[in-house]
Amino acid sequence: MTPDNITEALVAVLSSRASFEFRPLFDIVLSDLRKRNLASGGDEMLRLRVYEKLQGLVVQGAVSRIVTGTTKKYKGVGPRLLVLNAELKVLRANWNRRRRAKAAVANLIGPRRRSRAAEEFQSN
């Protein structure tokens, strides 16, 4: 399983005690992703992905949806978000460790051996 930047950003924002309508919540998440250079352009697709991830958090019980008339607000459920945040940190740490290990192996092999290995793979 790969780390999910959108879920990490949602959990970070919803860990506050505030409740958010979707639009302001999306703006905060988008701003956070852009600061980390993880989002550029394609706001509509990103909006759909954020909404999908948010609904997944609602189904998991990590976020509560409060409906008042036609207004929907989302608020994090503290204990569940703490557990989810810890799980995401472990997942991110494991992912980063594996990436560093792969990079170290790639550096040991060297570019010349990598290209030979790629040629052998393609010929099979």
C-alpha atoms as a PDB file:
ATOM      1  CA  MET A   1       0.000   0.000   0.000  1.00  0.00           C
ATOM      2  CA  THR A   2       1.374   3.417  -0.927  1.00  0.00           C
ATOM      3  CA  PRO A   3       1.082   6.531   1.204  1.00  0.00           C
ATOM      4  CA  ASP A   4      -1.798   8.770   0.268  1.00  0.00           C
ATOM      5  CA  ASN A   5      -0.981  12.489   0.262  1.00  0.00           C
ATOM      6  CA  ILE A   6      -4.618  13.559   0.011  1.00  0.00           C
ATOM      7  CA  THR A   7      -5.707  11.478   2.997  1.00  0.00           C
ATOM      8  CA  GLU A   8      -2.721  12.751   4.988  1.00  0.00           C
ATOM      9  CA  ALA A   9      -3.708  16.353   4.207  1.00  0.00           C
ATOM     10  CA  LEU A  10      -7.376  15.710   5.061  1.00  0.00           C
ATOM     11  CA  VAL A  11      -6.458  14.079   8.367  1.00  0.00           C
ATOM     12  CA  ALA A  12      -4.161  16.984   9.243  1.00  0.00           C
ATOM     13  CA  VAL A  13      -6.883  19.574   8.581  1.00  0.00           C
ATOM     14  CA  LEU A  14      -9.724  17.615  10.184  1.00  0.00           C
ATOM     15  CA  SER A  15      -7.650  16.914  13.304  1.00  0.00           C
ATOM     16  CA  SER A  16      -8.502  20.429  14.423  1.00  0.00           C
ATOM     17  CA  ARG A  17     -11.733  20.757  16.380  1.00  0.00           C
ATOM     18  CA  ALA A  18     -13.328  22.873  13.636  1.00  0.00           C
ATOM     19  CA  SER A  19     -15.988  21.727  11.191  1.00  0.00           C
ATOM     20  CA  PHE A  20     -15.745  22.585   7.509  1.00  0.00           C
ATOM     21  CA  GLU A  21     -17.973  22.789   4.491  1.00  0.00           C
ATOM     22  CA  PHE A  22     -16.431  20.988   1.531  1.00  0.00           C
ATOM     23  CA  ARG A  23     -15.330  24.066  -0.435  1.00  0.00           C
ATOM     24  CA  PRO A  24     -13.227  25.672   2.349  1.00  0.00           C
ATOM     25  CA  LEU A  25     -11.882  22.238   3.305  1.00  0.00           C
ATOM     26  CA  PHE A  26     -10.832  21.604  -0.293  1.00  0.00           C
ATOM     27  CA  ASP A  27      -9.145  25.024  -0.490  1.00  0.00           C
ATOM     28  CA  ILE A  28      -7.081  24.267   2.624  1.00  0.00           C
ATOM     29  CA  VAL A  29      -6.106  20.800   1.369  1.00  0.00           C
ATOM     30  CA  LEU A  30      -5.220  22.194  -2.067  1.00  0.00           C
ATOM     31  CA  SER A  31      -3.078  24.899  -0.490  1.00  0.00           C
ATOM     32  CA  ASP A  32      -1.281  22.295   1.637  1.00  0.00           C
ATOM     33  CA  LEU A  33      -0.651  20.017  -1.350  1.00  0.00           C
ATOM     34  CA  ARG A  34       0.666  22.917  -3.418  1.00  0.00           C
ATOM     35  CA  LYS A  35       3.021  23.976  -0.612  1.00  0.00           C
ATOM     36  CA  ARG A  36       4.465  20.463  -0.660  1.00  0.00           C
ATOM     37  CA  ASN A  37       4.621  20.598  -4.488  1.00  0.00           C
ATOM     38  CA  LEU A  38       2.155  17.694  -4.792  1.00  0.00           C
ATOM     39  CA  ALA A  39      -0.566  19.432  -6.798  1.00  0.00           C
ATOM     40  CA  SER A  40      -0.382  21.526  -9.918  1.00  0.00           C
ATOM     41  CA  GLY A  41      -3.316  22.254 -12.190  1.00  0.00           C
ATOM     42  CA  GLY A  42      -6.213  19.856 -12.704  1.00  0.00           C
ATOM     43  CA  ASP A  43      -8.224  21.239  -9.802  1.00  0.00           C
ATOM     44  CA  GLU A  44     -11.449  19.508 -10.870  1.00  0.00           C
ATOM     45  CA  MET A  45      -9.929  16.019 -10.837  1.00  0.00           C
ATOM     46  CA  LEU A  46      -8.262  16.779  -7.539  1.00  0.00           C
ATOM     47  CA  ARG A  47     -11.580  18.037  -6.150  1.00  0.00           C
ATOM     48  CA  LEU A  48     -13.190  14.709  -7.071  1.00  0.00           C
ATOM     49  CA  ARG A  49     -10.348  12.735  -5.466  1.00  0.00           C
ATOM     50  CA  VAL A  50     -10.512  14.816  -2.276  1.00  0.00           C
ATOM     51  CA  TYR A  51     -14.290  14.331  -2.113  1.00  0.00           C
ATOM     52  CA  GLU A  52     -13.884  10.586  -2.658  1.00  0.00           C
ATOM     53  CA  LYS A  53     -11.246  10.350   0.094  1.00  0.00           C
ATOM     54  CA  LEU A  54     -13.420  12.451   2.414  1.00  0.00           C
ATOM     55  CA  GLN A  55     -16.384  10.120   1.880  1.00  0.00           C
ATOM     56  CA  GLY A  56     -14.108   7.171   2.610  1.00  0.00           C
ATOM     57  CA  LEU A  57     -13.155   8.780   5.921  1.00  0.00           C
ATOM     58  CA  VAL A  58     -16.860   9.312   6.687  1.00  0.00           C
ATOM     59  CA  VAL A  59     -17.564   5.616   6.004  1.00  0.00           C
ATOM     60  CA  GLN A  60     -14.611   4.595   8.221  1.00  0.00           C
ATOM     61  CA  GLY A  61     -16.008   6.724  11.042  1.00  0.00           C
ATOM     62  CA  ALA A  62     -12.995   9.040  11.165  1.00  0.00           C
ATOM     63  CA  VAL A  63     -15.085  12.022  10.019  1.00  0.00           C
ATOM     64  CA  SER A  64     -18.669  12.892  10.840  1.00  0.00           C
ATOM     65  CA  ARG A  65     -20.924  14.582   8.313  1.00  0.00           C
ATOM     66  CA  ILE A  66     -23.326  17.112   9.795  1.00  0.00           C
ATOM     67  CA  VAL A  67     -26.255  18.030   7.530  1.00  0.00           C
ATOM     68  CA  THR A  68     -28.197  21.201   8.308  1.00  0.00           C
ATOM     69  CA  GLY A  69     -30.760  21.897   5.598  1.00  0.00           C
ATOM     70  CA  THR A  70     -28.752  21.931   2.381  1.00  0.00           C
ATOM     71  CA  THR A  71     -25.420  22.560   4.124  1.00  0.00           C
ATOM     72  CA  LYS A  72     -23.057  19.675   4.839  1.00  0.00           C
ATOM     73  CA  LYS A  73     -20.198  20.150   7.271  1.00  0.00           C
ATOM     74  CA  TYR A  74     -17.433  17.708   8.031  1.00  0.00           C
ATOM     75  CA  LYS A  75     -15.746  17.323  11.397  1.00  0.00           C
ATOM     76  CA  GLY A  76     -13.022  14.937  12.469  1.00  0.00           C
ATOM     77  CA  VAL A  77     -13.758  12.292  15.093  1.00  0.00           C
ATOM     78  CA  GLY A  78     -10.814  12.792  17.463  1.00  0.00           C
ATOM     79  CA  PRO A  79      -9.972   9.255  18.662  1.00  0.00           C
ATOM     80  CA  ARG A  80     -10.380   7.665  15.237  1.00  0.00           C
ATOM     81  CA  LEU A  81      -8.289  10.389  13.566  1.00  0.00           C
ATOM     82  CA  LEU A  82      -5.495   9.847  16.096  1.00  0.00           C
ATOM     83  CA  VAL A  83      -5.374   6.156  15.202  1.00  0.00           C
ATOM     84  CA  LEU A  84      -5.575   6.889  11.471  1.00  0.00           C
ATOM     85  CA  ASN A  85      -2.842   9.534  11.735  1.00  0.00           C
ATOM     86  CA  ALA A  86      -0.555   7.059  13.513  1.00  0.00           C
ATOM     87  CA  GLU A  87      -1.245   4.428  10.832  1.00  0.00           C
ATOM     88  CA  LEU A  88      -0.448   6.944   8.089  1.00  0.00           C
ATOM     89  CA  LYS A  89       2.839   7.918   9.778  1.00  0.00           C
ATOM     90  CA  VAL A  90       3.922   4.277  10.004  1.00  0.00           C
ATOM     91  CA  LEU A  91       2.958   3.710   6.371  1.00  0.00           C
ATOM     92  CA  ARG A  92       4.882   6.828   5.261  1.00  0.00           C
ATOM     93  CA  ALA A  93       7.974   5.806   7.271  1.00  0.00           C
ATOM     94  CA  ASN A  94       7.964   2.300   5.762  1.00  0.00           C
ATOM     95  CA  TRP A  95       7.460   3.723   2.276  1.00  0.00           C
ATOM     96  CA  ASN A  96      10.375   6.156   2.693  1.00  0.00           C
ATOM     97  CA  ARG A  97      12.614   3.369   4.043  1.00  0.00           C
ATOM     98  CA  ARG A  98      11.851   1.177   1.001  1.00  0.00           C
ATOM     99  CA  ARG A  99      12.488   4.099  -1.385  1.00  0.00           C
ATOM    100  CA  ARG A 100      15.873   4.779   0.209  1.00  0.00           C
ATOM    101  CA  ALA A 101      16.768   1.087   0.000  1.00  0.00           C
ATOM    102  CA  LYS A 102      15.850   0.955  -3.699  1.00  0.00           C
ATOM    103  CA  ALA A 103      17.882   4.091  -4.391  1.00  0.00           C
ATOM    104  CA  ALA A 104      20.881   2.608  -2.568  1.00  0.00           C
ATOM    105  CA  VAL A 105      20.672  -0.587  -4.621  1.00  0.00           C
ATOM    106  CA  ALA A 106      20.366   1.421  -7.829  1.00  0.00           C
ATOM    107  CA  ASN A 107      23.475   3.407  -6.891  1.00  0.00           C
ATOM    108  CA  LEU A 108      25.410   0.215  -6.147  1.00  0.00           C
ATOM    109  CA  ILE A 109      24.490  -1.368  -9.472  1.00  0.00           C
ATOM    110  CA  GLY A 110      25.560   1.715 -11.411  1.00  0.00           C
ATOM    111  CA  PRO A 111      24.194   3.058 -14.705  1.00  0.00           C
ATOM    112  CA  ARG A 112      26.165   0.721 -16.968  1.00  0.00           C
ATOM    113  CA  ARG A 113      24.996  -2.474 -15.267  1.00  0.00           C
ATOM    114  CA  ARG A 114      21.446  -1.128 -15.053  1.00  0.00           C
ATOM    115  CA  SER A 115      21.336  -0.599 -18.817  1.00  0.00           C
ATOM    116  CA  ARG A 116      22.694  -4.112 -19.423  1.00  0.00           C
ATOM    117  CA  ALA A 117      20.125  -5.559 -17.062  1.00  0.00           C
ATOM    118  CA  ALA A 118      17.399  -3.621 -18.874  1.00  0.00           C
ATOM    119  CA  GLU A 119      18.613  -4.919 -22.247  1.00  0.00           C
ATOM    120  CA  GLU A 120      18.613  -8.506 -20.969  1.00  0.00           C
ATOM    121  CA  PHE A 121      15.122  -8.062 -19.551  1.00  0.00           C
ATOM    122  CA  GLN A 122      13.786  -6.649 -22.832  1.00  0.00           C
ATOM    123  CA  SER A 123      15.375  -9.423 -24.891  1.00  0.00           C
ATOM    124  CA  ASN A 124      13.629 -12.135 -22.832  1.00  0.00           C
END
